[in-house]
């Protein structure tokens, strides 16, 4: 994003400050009752648990099937043959009424594949909550505050998904929606700020990540809720092999926070310091007895000035989705459909013959941060903007070569007599970039079944069958087998 209106960004985050002024109201505390967003739920007592797991991937083709590695926190290799072993230890929040709680997690994985063996860190964090405010330090999957309509079925957000490895960070804010004081729960807000470190040093070394967000949801206990979220992220600071030091001072941080111009380079002084990217989310949620329906639209932007999503130059791009879930009939618990388009990018030209059109956004690419909106060679946003890990020799080209995509994505999950299943089907057309068109297609399929066997030492077994058909990655058919176990260490 080459420029932005600071007033719009300031307005979008002002509800964070307003919420802080009224943190003591009891409505906040009541909103936490019954929250079940955390895994390893162990009742109302604090508990420390452990886990261990093994997985193996075997497939044909040059790469493993797309859905074996996409949206798995960068923990599964794209190689056709790989294996993982994981060990984890952690505590989750369990008593949501109390004014203070904490959690932590450690998860280390060893990976072997056709490339060199690696030690991967999926979790290494500590987190605390005071009233409704969260503080997290370390490495933790999932970007805080990001709208997630259905984690197991969705293709992922435009700006953030679970595609790359987690970025080390510090987060402060309100992670999930809480009622605004004195409005009887009909207005809920959330907001926060994250500072992260790009420790991969792919091109620009020692760069920082900035993310802030604000959201409001209206309706409360009514059968229909409507919400809006604003997210702003940026890469900034670090050392470039071409431009040298890119500015890591507090003045640079202020420019990043307001998406303002500054820094030592002419490009940053003319437009905005750093590499900026953002999204806006509009959603409607309806509930009736055992049924829940969500419809949502997320729009991505990389250029200023920032307008509301329906007036933006690139309003043609984004994710349009709908998901229906129920708990009355277990055979089909949830269904999801998403349409994703990133082909417009505000038009084909940013400027031409002295006229500025404002197009050519070139998603996830940047002339200074040439590794772009990626971490460890995997895209941070939607996995369908192709990760640099598929570029071949990544030391030669670590940029995003395919960011103009159009696709239909379907997902179904349920439980058949204790066998939990998930089915994903994605039909993708790729157009490369405006500068370098590359036309390809891919059909990505995933069939996954998991089962807990109490009599087999309490083990969980999983089998995934994946298939890719098309010219993007080539044809590939494979299987992934998983076995895991979790247990209780201490309950207090």
Protein backbone atom coordinates (compact mmCIF):
# COMPACT_ATOMS: atom_id res chain seq x y z
CA UNK A 1 0.00 0.00 0.00
CA UNK A 2 1.60 3.22 -1.13
CA UNK A 3 -0.51 5.61 0.95
CA UNK A 4 -3.45 5.76 3.32
CA UNK A 5 -5.70 8.19 5.12
CA UNK A 6 -4.60 8.34 8.78
CA UNK A 7 -8.00 9.65 9.85
CA UNK A 8 -9.73 6.50 8.61
CA UNK A 9 -7.30 4.24 10.46
CA UNK A 10 -7.60 6.34 13.60
CA UNK A 11 -11.39 6.06 13.45
CA UNK A 12 -11.20 2.30 12.96
CA UNK A 13 -9.18 1.75 16.14
CA UNK A 14 -10.83 4.34 18.39
CA UNK A 15 -13.20 1.74 19.86
CA UNK A 16 -10.16 0.08 21.46
CA UNK A 17 -9.59 3.17 23.59
CA UNK A 18 -13.28 3.55 24.38
CA UNK A 19 -13.45 -0.04 25.59
CA UNK A 20 -10.43 0.43 27.84
CA UNK A 21 -12.16 3.29 29.66
CA UNK A 22 -14.99 1.01 30.79
CA UNK A 23 -13.16 -2.26 31.44
CA UNK A 24 -14.58 -2.74 34.92
CA UNK A 25 -18.20 -3.16 33.90
CA UNK A 26 -19.72 -6.53 34.81
CA UNK A 27 -21.07 -7.04 31.29
CA UNK A 28 -17.53 -7.83 30.20
CA UNK A 29 -17.16 -10.57 32.79
CA UNK A 30 -20.51 -12.15 31.95
CA UNK A 31 -19.55 -12.29 28.28
CA UNK A 32 -16.74 -14.73 29.09
CA UNK A 33 -19.04 -17.34 30.60
CA UNK A 34 -19.12 -20.50 28.55
CA UNK A 35 -16.52 -19.46 26.01
CA UNK A 36 -15.11 -22.63 24.39
CA UNK A 37 -12.75 -21.24 21.77
CA UNK A 38 -9.74 -23.06 23.21
CA UNK A 39 -8.72 -26.64 22.56
CA UNK A 40 -7.83 -29.14 25.29
CA UNK A 41 -10.93 -28.13 27.25
CA UNK A 42 -10.67 -29.84 30.65
CA UNK A 43 -13.67 -28.61 32.61
CA UNK A 44 -13.70 -25.85 35.18
CA UNK A 45 -10.43 -26.83 36.89
CA UNK A 46 -7.00 -25.62 35.85
CA UNK A 47 -5.17 -28.50 34.20
CA UNK A 48 -1.78 -29.12 32.64
CA UNK A 49 -1.92 -31.62 29.79
CA UNK A 50 0.55 -33.31 27.49
CA UNK A 51 0.35 -34.63 23.95
CA UNK A 52 2.37 -36.56 21.40
CA UNK A 53 1.79 -37.42 17.78
CA UNK A 54 3.17 -38.97 14.63
CA UNK A 55 2.23 -38.30 11.01
CA UNK A 56 3.42 -39.61 7.66
CA UNK A 57 2.71 -38.41 4.11
CA UNK A 58 3.14 -40.53 1.00
CA UNK A 59 2.07 -39.23 -2.40
CA UNK A 60 2.81 -39.27 -6.10
CA UNK A 61 3.77 -36.24 -8.14
CA UNK A 62 6.29 -33.48 -7.50
CA UNK A 63 4.40 -32.10 -4.50
CA UNK A 64 2.11 -33.52 -1.86
CA UNK A 65 -1.59 -32.73 -2.42
CA UNK A 66 -2.36 -29.07 -1.73
CA UNK A 67 -4.61 -29.60 1.31
CA UNK A 68 -2.00 -31.74 3.09
CA UNK A 69 0.17 -28.66 3.72
CA UNK A 70 -2.18 -25.66 3.25
CA UNK A 71 -3.59 -24.09 6.43
CA UNK A 72 -1.66 -26.40 8.76
CA UNK A 73 0.53 -23.75 10.40
CA UNK A 74 3.38 -24.53 8.00
CA UNK A 75 4.05 -27.78 9.87
CA UNK A 76 3.51 -30.25 6.99
CA UNK A 77 6.05 -30.23 4.15
CA UNK A 78 4.96 -29.77 0.52
CA UNK A 79 7.33 -32.62 -0.40
CA UNK A 80 5.69 -35.85 -1.63
CA UNK A 81 7.23 -37.87 1.23
CA UNK A 82 7.50 -36.52 4.78
CA UNK A 83 7.04 -37.44 8.40
CA UNK A 84 6.48 -35.47 11.62
CA UNK A 85 6.82 -36.26 15.30
CA UNK A 86 5.42 -33.78 17.85
CA UNK A 87 5.51 -33.30 21.61
CA UNK A 88 3.43 -30.71 23.43
CA UNK A 89 2.72 -29.46 26.93
CA UNK A 90 0.25 -26.79 27.92
CA UNK A 91 -2.56 -25.29 29.94
CA UNK A 92 -5.71 -23.68 28.58
CA UNK A 93 -8.05 -21.19 30.18
CA UNK A 94 -10.97 -22.90 31.86
CA UNK A 95 -12.66 -20.57 34.36
CA UNK A 96 -14.07 -17.79 32.24
CA UNK A 97 -15.95 -15.94 34.99
CA UNK A 98 -12.94 -15.08 37.09
CA UNK A 99 -11.25 -11.74 36.65
CA UNK A 100 -7.82 -13.21 35.86
CA UNK A 101 -6.70 -16.32 34.00
CA UNK A 102 -3.63 -17.55 32.17
CA UNK A 103 -2.50 -20.20 29.73
CA UNK A 104 0.68 -21.40 28.06
CA UNK A 105 1.77 -23.87 25.43
CA UNK A 106 4.90 -25.60 24.17
CA UNK A 107 4.85 -27.75 21.04
CA UNK A 108 7.96 -28.94 19.23
CA UNK A 109 7.95 -30.96 16.03
CA UNK A 110 10.65 -32.89 14.25
CA UNK A 111 10.22 -33.18 10.49
CA UNK A 112 11.91 -35.35 7.89
CA UNK A 113 11.24 -35.03 4.17
CA UNK A 114 13.05 -35.12 0.84
CA UNK A 115 14.85 -31.97 2.01
CA UNK A 116 16.94 -31.69 5.19
CA UNK A 117 15.47 -32.65 8.60
CA UNK A 118 14.10 -29.74 10.64
CA UNK A 119 13.03 -28.87 14.16
CA UNK A 120 9.83 -26.80 14.07
CA UNK A 121 8.27 -24.77 16.86
CA UNK A 122 4.50 -24.59 16.56
CA UNK A 123 3.83 -23.18 20.03
CA UNK A 124 6.00 -21.53 22.64
CA UNK A 125 3.98 -18.86 24.41
CA UNK A 126 2.51 -17.55 27.65
CA UNK A 127 -0.74 -15.62 27.84
CA UNK A 128 -2.72 -13.88 30.57
CA UNK A 129 -6.14 -12.26 30.76
CA UNK A 130 -7.07 -9.44 33.15
CA UNK A 131 -10.81 -8.75 33.06
CA UNK A 132 -11.26 -8.75 29.26
CA UNK A 133 -7.75 -7.72 28.22
CA UNK A 134 -5.35 -10.31 26.82
CA UNK A 135 -1.56 -10.23 26.78
CA UNK A 136 0.32 -12.92 24.84
CA UNK A 137 4.07 -13.28 24.33
CA UNK A 138 5.75 -15.90 22.15
CA UNK A 139 4.84 -18.17 19.25
CA UNK A 140 1.16 -19.10 18.99
CA UNK A 141 -0.90 -20.21 15.97
CA UNK A 142 -3.87 -18.11 14.82
CA UNK A 143 -3.72 -14.35 14.40
CA UNK A 144 -5.54 -12.60 17.23
CA UNK A 145 -8.88 -11.01 16.57
CA UNK A 146 -9.20 -12.23 12.98
CA UNK A 147 -12.69 -13.26 11.86
CA UNK A 148 -12.85 -17.03 11.37
CA UNK A 149 -16.24 -18.29 10.14
CA UNK A 150 -15.29 -21.97 10.30
CA UNK A 151 -11.70 -22.91 11.06
CA UNK A 152 -11.86 -26.51 9.84
CA UNK A 153 -13.66 -25.81 6.55
CA UNK A 154 -12.76 -22.26 5.48
CA UNK A 155 -10.07 -21.64 2.88
CA UNK A 156 -8.62 -18.98 5.20
CA UNK A 157 -8.75 -15.22 5.42
CA UNK A 158 -7.33 -12.89 2.79
CA UNK A 159 -4.90 -11.22 5.18
CA UNK A 160 -4.25 -14.00 7.70
CA UNK A 161 -4.79 -17.74 7.57
CA UNK A 162 -3.20 -20.76 9.21
CA UNK A 163 -0.98 -21.33 6.17
CA UNK A 164 2.45 -20.17 7.39
CA UNK A 165 4.33 -20.96 10.53
CA UNK A 166 3.36 -18.77 13.51
CA UNK A 167 5.33 -15.52 13.79
CA UNK A 168 6.92 -14.66 17.17
CA UNK A 169 4.96 -11.73 18.57
CA UNK A 170 3.57 -9.73 21.46
CA UNK A 171 -0.18 -9.09 21.53
CA UNK A 172 -2.14 -6.70 23.74
CA UNK A 173 -5.87 -6.10 23.44
CA UNK A 174 -9.33 -7.67 23.49
CA UNK A 175 -9.05 -10.87 21.52
CA UNK A 176 -12.72 -11.75 21.16
CA UNK A 177 -15.98 -9.81 21.20
CA UNK A 178 -17.18 -8.51 24.59
CA UNK A 179 -20.29 -6.41 25.37
CA UNK A 180 -19.82 -2.66 25.47
CA UNK A 181 -20.83 -1.26 28.89
CA UNK A 182 -24.36 -0.06 29.59
CA UNK A 183 -25.76 -1.22 26.22
CA UNK A 184 -27.28 -4.48 27.57
CA UNK A 185 -25.05 -6.69 25.47
CA UNK A 186 -26.47 -5.54 22.13
CA UNK A 187 -23.19 -3.89 21.11
CA UNK A 188 -19.96 -5.90 21.32
CA UNK A 189 -16.45 -4.74 20.52
CA UNK A 190 -12.94 -6.07 20.22
CA UNK A 191 -9.55 -4.65 19.23
CA UNK A 192 -5.85 -4.99 19.78
CA UNK A 193 -2.34 -4.56 18.47
CA UNK A 194 0.42 -7.06 17.66
CA UNK A 195 4.15 -6.53 17.21
CA UNK A 196 5.98 -9.43 15.57
CA UNK A 197 9.40 -10.40 14.27
CA UNK A 198 10.13 -11.90 10.85
CA UNK A 199 12.87 -14.23 12.03
CA UNK A 200 13.12 -16.09 8.71
CA UNK A 201 15.48 -13.41 7.21
CA UNK A 202 14.57 -14.55 3.69
CA UNK A 203 15.45 -11.23 2.01
CA UNK A 204 15.12 -8.24 4.34
CA UNK A 205 16.71 -9.24 7.63
CA UNK A 206 15.32 -8.48 11.10
CA UNK A 207 12.08 -7.01 9.77
CA UNK A 208 9.05 -6.37 12.00
CA UNK A 209 5.37 -7.19 11.63
CA UNK A 210 2.63 -4.78 12.70
CA UNK A 211 -1.05 -5.70 13.01
CA UNK A 212 -3.93 -3.85 14.62
CA UNK A 213 -7.62 -4.44 14.40
CA UNK A 214 -10.96 -3.18 15.63
CA UNK A 215 -14.39 -4.73 15.32
CA UNK A 216 -17.99 -4.17 16.34
CA UNK A 217 -20.88 -6.65 16.41
CA UNK A 218 -24.52 -5.64 16.83
CA UNK A 219 -27.40 -7.78 18.03
CA UNK A 220 -26.26 -9.62 21.15
CA UNK A 221 -28.90 -12.20 22.10
CA UNK A 222 -31.09 -11.33 19.10
CA UNK A 223 -31.43 -14.04 16.43
CA UNK A 224 -29.47 -11.96 13.89
CA UNK A 225 -26.11 -10.26 14.47
CA UNK A 226 -24.27 -7.92 12.09
CA UNK A 227 -20.59 -7.06 12.39
CA UNK A 228 -17.73 -5.16 10.79
CA UNK A 229 -13.96 -5.49 11.29
CA UNK A 230 -10.99 -3.46 10.11
CA UNK A 231 -7.47 -4.96 9.98
CA UNK A 232 -4.24 -3.18 9.12
CA UNK A 233 -0.89 -4.97 8.85
CA UNK A 234 2.58 -3.98 7.72
CA UNK A 235 6.14 -5.16 7.25
CA UNK A 236 8.63 -2.57 8.38
CA UNK A 237 12.16 -1.99 9.64
CA UNK A 238 15.02 -4.39 9.13
CA UNK A 239 18.04 -4.32 6.87
CA UNK A 240 17.82 -4.58 3.07
CA UNK A 241 20.73 -5.89 0.98
CA UNK A 242 19.94 -3.08 -1.51
CA UNK A 243 18.81 -0.11 0.62
CA UNK A 244 20.53 -0.85 3.93
CA UNK A 245 18.78 0.09 7.21
CA UNK A 246 15.05 0.62 6.63
CA UNK A 247 14.20 2.50 9.81
CA UNK A 248 13.39 0.90 13.16
CA UNK A 249 12.96 3.98 15.35
CA UNK A 250 9.87 5.10 17.26
CA UNK A 251 9.26 7.73 14.58
CA UNK A 252 9.18 4.94 12.01
CA UNK A 253 6.71 3.03 14.18
CA UNK A 254 4.41 6.06 14.27
CA UNK A 255 4.53 6.20 10.48
CA UNK A 256 3.69 2.50 10.33
CA UNK A 257 0.83 2.83 12.82
CA UNK A 258 -0.80 5.64 10.85
CA UNK A 259 0.28 4.29 7.43
CA UNK A 260 2.01 7.61 6.89
CA UNK A 261 4.93 8.64 4.72
CA UNK A 262 8.46 8.94 6.08
CA UNK A 263 11.73 7.07 6.30
CA UNK A 264 14.91 7.66 4.37
CA UNK A 265 13.89 6.51 0.88
CA UNK A 266 12.11 8.58 -1.73
CA UNK A 267 9.46 5.89 -2.27
CA UNK A 268 8.53 5.81 1.43
CA UNK A 269 8.49 9.60 1.64
CA UNK A 270 6.22 9.86 -1.37
CA UNK A 271 3.84 7.05 -0.39
CA UNK A 272 3.97 5.22 2.96
CA UNK A 273 6.86 3.87 5.00
CA UNK A 274 6.95 0.08 4.98
CA UNK A 275 4.88 -2.52 3.17
CA UNK A 276 1.21 -2.10 4.13
CA UNK A 277 -1.70 -4.44 3.58
CA UNK A 278 -5.15 -4.63 5.13
CA UNK A 279 -8.64 -6.02 4.98
CA UNK A 280 -12.21 -5.19 5.92
CA UNK A 281 -14.76 -7.80 6.94
CA UNK A 282 -18.56 -7.51 6.88
CA UNK A 283 -20.58 -10.41 8.29
CA UNK A 284 -24.09 -11.44 9.24
CA UNK A 285 -24.76 -14.26 11.70
CA UNK A 286 -28.20 -15.80 12.28
CA UNK A 287 -29.14 -18.45 14.83
CA UNK A 288 -32.36 -20.39 15.34
CA UNK A 289 -32.60 -23.25 17.83
CA UNK A 290 -29.82 -25.69 16.81
CA UNK A 291 -29.01 -23.94 13.51
CA UNK A 292 -26.42 -21.24 12.78
CA UNK A 293 -25.93 -19.40 9.51
CA UNK A 294 -23.03 -17.07 8.68
CA UNK A 295 -22.57 -14.96 5.57
CA UNK A 296 -19.41 -12.88 5.19
CA UNK A 297 -17.39 -10.74 2.82
CA UNK A 298 -13.73 -9.91 3.33
CA UNK A 299 -12.05 -7.37 1.05
CA UNK A 300 -8.29 -6.93 0.77
CA UNK A 301 -6.53 -3.62 0.07
CA UNK A 302 -2.93 -2.53 -0.55
CA UNK A 303 -3.44 1.05 -1.73
CA UNK A 304 -4.71 4.28 -0.19
CA UNK A 305 -6.76 6.21 0.37
CA UNK A 306 -8.86 3.68 2.28
CA UNK A 307 -12.59 3.66 1.57
CA UNK A 308 -15.31 1.48 2.98
CA UNK A 309 -15.34 -1.83 1.18
CA UNK A 310 -18.26 -1.13 -1.14
CA UNK A 311 -16.59 2.08 -2.43
CA UNK A 312 -13.01 0.78 -2.73
CA UNK A 313 -11.22 0.45 -6.07
CA UNK A 314 -10.61 -3.24 -5.48
CA UNK A 315 -14.05 -4.13 -4.09
CA UNK A 316 -14.16 -6.82 -6.81
CA UNK A 317 -11.51 -8.78 -4.87
CA UNK A 318 -12.04 -10.75 -1.69
CA UNK A 319 -13.75 -13.73 -0.10
CA UNK A 320 -17.51 -14.16 -0.23
CA UNK A 321 -18.69 -17.05 1.91
CA UNK A 322 -21.61 -18.74 3.60
CA UNK A 323 -21.58 -21.51 6.20
CA UNK A 324 -24.44 -23.42 7.79
CA UNK A 325 -24.00 -25.53 10.91
CA UNK A 326 -26.28 -27.45 13.28
CA UNK A 327 -25.94 -29.95 16.12
CA UNK A 328 -29.19 -31.87 15.73
CA UNK A 329 -28.09 -34.31 13.02
CA UNK A 330 -24.44 -35.36 13.52
CA UNK A 331 -23.94 -36.91 10.07
CA UNK A 332 -23.59 -33.45 8.49
CA UNK A 333 -22.69 -30.83 11.07
CA UNK A 334 -21.44 -28.00 8.85
CA UNK A 335 -21.43 -26.96 5.22
CA UNK A 336 -19.39 -24.09 3.74
CA UNK A 337 -19.07 -22.42 0.36
CA UNK A 338 -16.60 -19.65 -0.55
CA UNK A 339 -15.89 -17.71 -3.71
CA UNK A 340 -12.45 -16.10 -3.82
CA UNK A 341 -11.28 -13.56 -6.40
CA UNK A 342 -8.02 -11.58 -6.53
CA UNK A 343 -7.84 -10.89 -10.26
CA UNK A 344 -8.87 -7.22 -10.30
CA UNK A 345 -6.31 -5.58 -7.96
CA UNK A 346 -7.78 -2.08 -8.57
CA UNK A 347 -7.08 -2.44 -12.28
CA UNK A 348 -4.13 -3.39 -14.44
CA UNK A 349 -2.13 -0.15 -14.12
CA UNK A 350 -0.95 1.91 -11.20
CA UNK A 351 0.24 4.70 -13.49
CA UNK A 352 0.58 5.04 -17.24
CA UNK A 353 1.55 7.96 -19.49
CA UNK A 354 1.73 10.27 -16.49
CA UNK A 355 -1.75 9.36 -15.25
CA UNK A 356 -2.14 7.61 -11.87
CA UNK A 357 -4.86 4.95 -12.02
CA UNK A 358 -4.14 3.42 -8.61
CA UNK A 359 -4.23 -0.17 -9.88
CA UNK A 360 -1.65 -2.92 -10.17
CA UNK A 361 -1.76 -3.66 -6.42
CA UNK A 362 0.30 -6.84 -6.94
CA UNK A 363 -0.90 -8.56 -3.77
CA UNK A 364 1.70 -9.93 -1.34
CA UNK A 365 4.59 -8.41 -3.35
CA UNK A 366 6.70 -5.34 -2.59
CA UNK A 367 9.70 -3.82 -4.35
CA UNK A 368 11.62 -3.30 -1.08
CA UNK A 369 10.44 -6.33 0.93
CA UNK A 370 10.90 -8.73 -1.96
CA UNK A 371 9.93 -11.76 0.10
CA UNK A 372 6.53 -10.07 0.41
CA UNK A 373 3.66 -11.07 2.69
CA UNK A 374 5.16 -14.51 3.40
CA UNK A 375 6.87 -16.21 6.31
CA UNK A 376 9.22 -19.17 5.93
CA UNK A 377 8.31 -19.23 2.20
CA UNK A 378 4.58 -19.73 2.95
CA UNK A 379 1.92 -17.07 2.38
CA UNK A 380 0.55 -15.52 5.56
CA UNK A 381 -2.81 -14.83 3.93
CA UNK A 382 -4.98 -17.01 1.73
CA UNK A 383 -3.04 -20.11 0.65
CA UNK A 384 -4.42 -19.82 -2.89
CA UNK A 385 -2.07 -16.90 -3.53
CA UNK A 386 0.74 -19.30 -4.26
CA UNK A 387 3.49 -19.61 -1.65
CA UNK A 388 7.12 -19.04 -2.71
CA UNK A 389 7.90 -22.58 -1.53
CA UNK A 390 6.53 -23.68 -4.91
CA UNK A 391 8.92 -21.41 -6.84
CA UNK A 392 11.61 -24.05 -7.20
CA UNK A 393 14.92 -22.43 -6.24
CA UNK A 394 13.72 -20.01 -3.54
CA UNK A 395 17.18 -18.52 -3.13
CA UNK A 396 16.82 -17.10 -6.64
CA UNK A 397 13.22 -15.87 -6.43
CA UNK A 398 11.40 -15.57 -3.08
CA UNK A 399 8.58 -13.36 -4.39
CA UNK A 400 4.94 -14.24 -5.06
CA UNK A 401 4.61 -15.36 -8.69
CA UNK A 402 0.87 -16.06 -8.71
CA UNK A 403 -1.51 -13.64 -6.98
CA UNK A 404 -4.37 -13.36 -9.48
CA UNK A 405 -6.68 -16.27 -8.71
CA UNK A 406 -10.35 -17.12 -8.99
CA UNK A 407 -11.82 -20.13 -7.24
CA UNK A 408 -14.80 -21.93 -5.75
CA UNK A 409 -14.26 -23.73 -2.44
CA UNK A 410 -16.58 -26.20 -0.67
CA UNK A 411 -16.36 -27.89 2.72
CA UNK A 412 -18.46 -30.44 4.64
CA UNK A 413 -17.86 -32.01 8.05
CA UNK A 414 -19.75 -34.31 10.37
CA UNK A 415 -19.66 -37.41 12.52
CA UNK A 416 -20.79 -40.90 11.53
CA UNK A 417 -20.93 -43.23 14.55
CA UNK A 418 -17.85 -41.71 16.17
CA UNK A 419 -15.90 -41.30 12.95
CA UNK A 420 -15.39 -37.57 12.44
CA UNK A 421 -14.89 -36.61 8.82
CA UNK A 422 -14.03 -33.55 6.74
CA UNK A 423 -14.28 -33.05 2.97
CA UNK A 424 -12.73 -30.09 1.11
CA UNK A 425 -12.98 -29.40 -2.61
CA UNK A 426 -11.39 -26.37 -4.33
CA UNK A 427 -11.57 -25.51 -8.02
CA UNK A 428 -8.94 -22.90 -8.90
CA UNK A 429 -7.99 -20.85 -11.96
CA UNK A 430 -4.67 -18.97 -11.81
CA UNK A 431 -3.54 -16.01 -13.91
CA UNK A 432 -0.06 -15.26 -12.48
CA UNK A 433 0.49 -11.51 -12.01
CA UNK A 434 -0.32 -8.53 -14.21
CA UNK A 435 3.40 -8.16 -14.96
CA UNK A 436 3.96 -11.85 -15.73
CA UNK A 437 0.80 -13.71 -16.71
CA UNK A 438 0.89 -17.43 -15.98
CA UNK A 439 -2.23 -19.45 -16.69
CA UNK A 440 -2.87 -22.68 -14.80
CA UNK A 441 -5.60 -24.54 -12.97
CA UNK A 442 -5.93 -26.97 -10.09
CA UNK A 443 -8.62 -29.10 -8.48
CA UNK A 444 -7.66 -29.83 -4.85
CA UNK A 445 -9.59 -32.50 -2.93
CA UNK A 446 -9.30 -33.72 0.66
CA UNK A 447 -11.11 -36.58 2.40
CA UNK A 448 -10.24 -36.87 6.11
CA UNK A 449 -11.44 -39.25 8.84
CA UNK A 450 -10.50 -39.26 12.53
CA UNK A 451 -11.49 -41.62 15.33
CA UNK A 452 -10.73 -41.92 19.05
CA UNK A 453 -10.21 -45.50 20.21
CA UNK A 454 -10.60 -45.67 23.97
CA UNK A 455 -9.65 -49.33 24.16
CA UNK A 456 -6.51 -48.84 22.07
CA UNK A 457 -4.69 -46.99 24.87
CA UNK A 458 -6.82 -43.91 24.21
CA UNK A 459 -5.17 -43.20 20.87
CA UNK A 460 -6.57 -40.95 18.13
CA UNK A 461 -6.10 -42.20 14.58
CA UNK A 462 -6.54 -40.20 11.40
CA UNK A 463 -6.41 -40.96 7.68
CA UNK A 464 -6.43 -38.29 4.96
CA UNK A 465 -6.67 -38.86 1.24
CA UNK A 466 -5.68 -35.93 -0.96
CA UNK A 467 -5.72 -35.35 -4.70
CA UNK A 468 -4.59 -32.56 -7.03
CA UNK A 469 -5.52 -32.49 -10.69
CA UNK A 470 -4.38 -29.73 -13.04
CA UNK A 471 -1.46 -27.84 -14.52
CA UNK A 472 -0.55 -25.72 -11.46
CA UNK A 473 1.16 -28.37 -9.32
CA UNK A 474 0.71 -31.38 -11.57
CA UNK A 475 -1.38 -34.44 -10.76
CA UNK A 476 -0.83 -35.91 -7.32
CA UNK A 477 -2.59 -38.53 -5.20
CA UNK A 478 -1.52 -39.23 -1.65
CA UNK A 479 -2.35 -40.38 1.86
CA UNK A 480 -1.51 -38.94 5.27
CA UNK A 481 -1.70 -41.12 8.38
CA UNK A 482 -1.73 -39.65 11.91
CA UNK A 483 -1.75 -41.12 15.39
CA UNK A 484 -1.78 -39.05 18.59
CA UNK A 485 -2.46 -39.22 22.29
CA UNK A 486 -3.15 -36.65 24.96
CA UNK A 487 -3.21 -36.99 28.71
CA UNK A 488 -3.56 -35.16 31.98
CA UNK A 489 -0.49 -34.30 34.04
CA UNK A 490 -1.95 -32.24 36.87
CA UNK A 491 -5.34 -30.82 37.75
CA UNK A 492 -5.51 -28.15 40.44
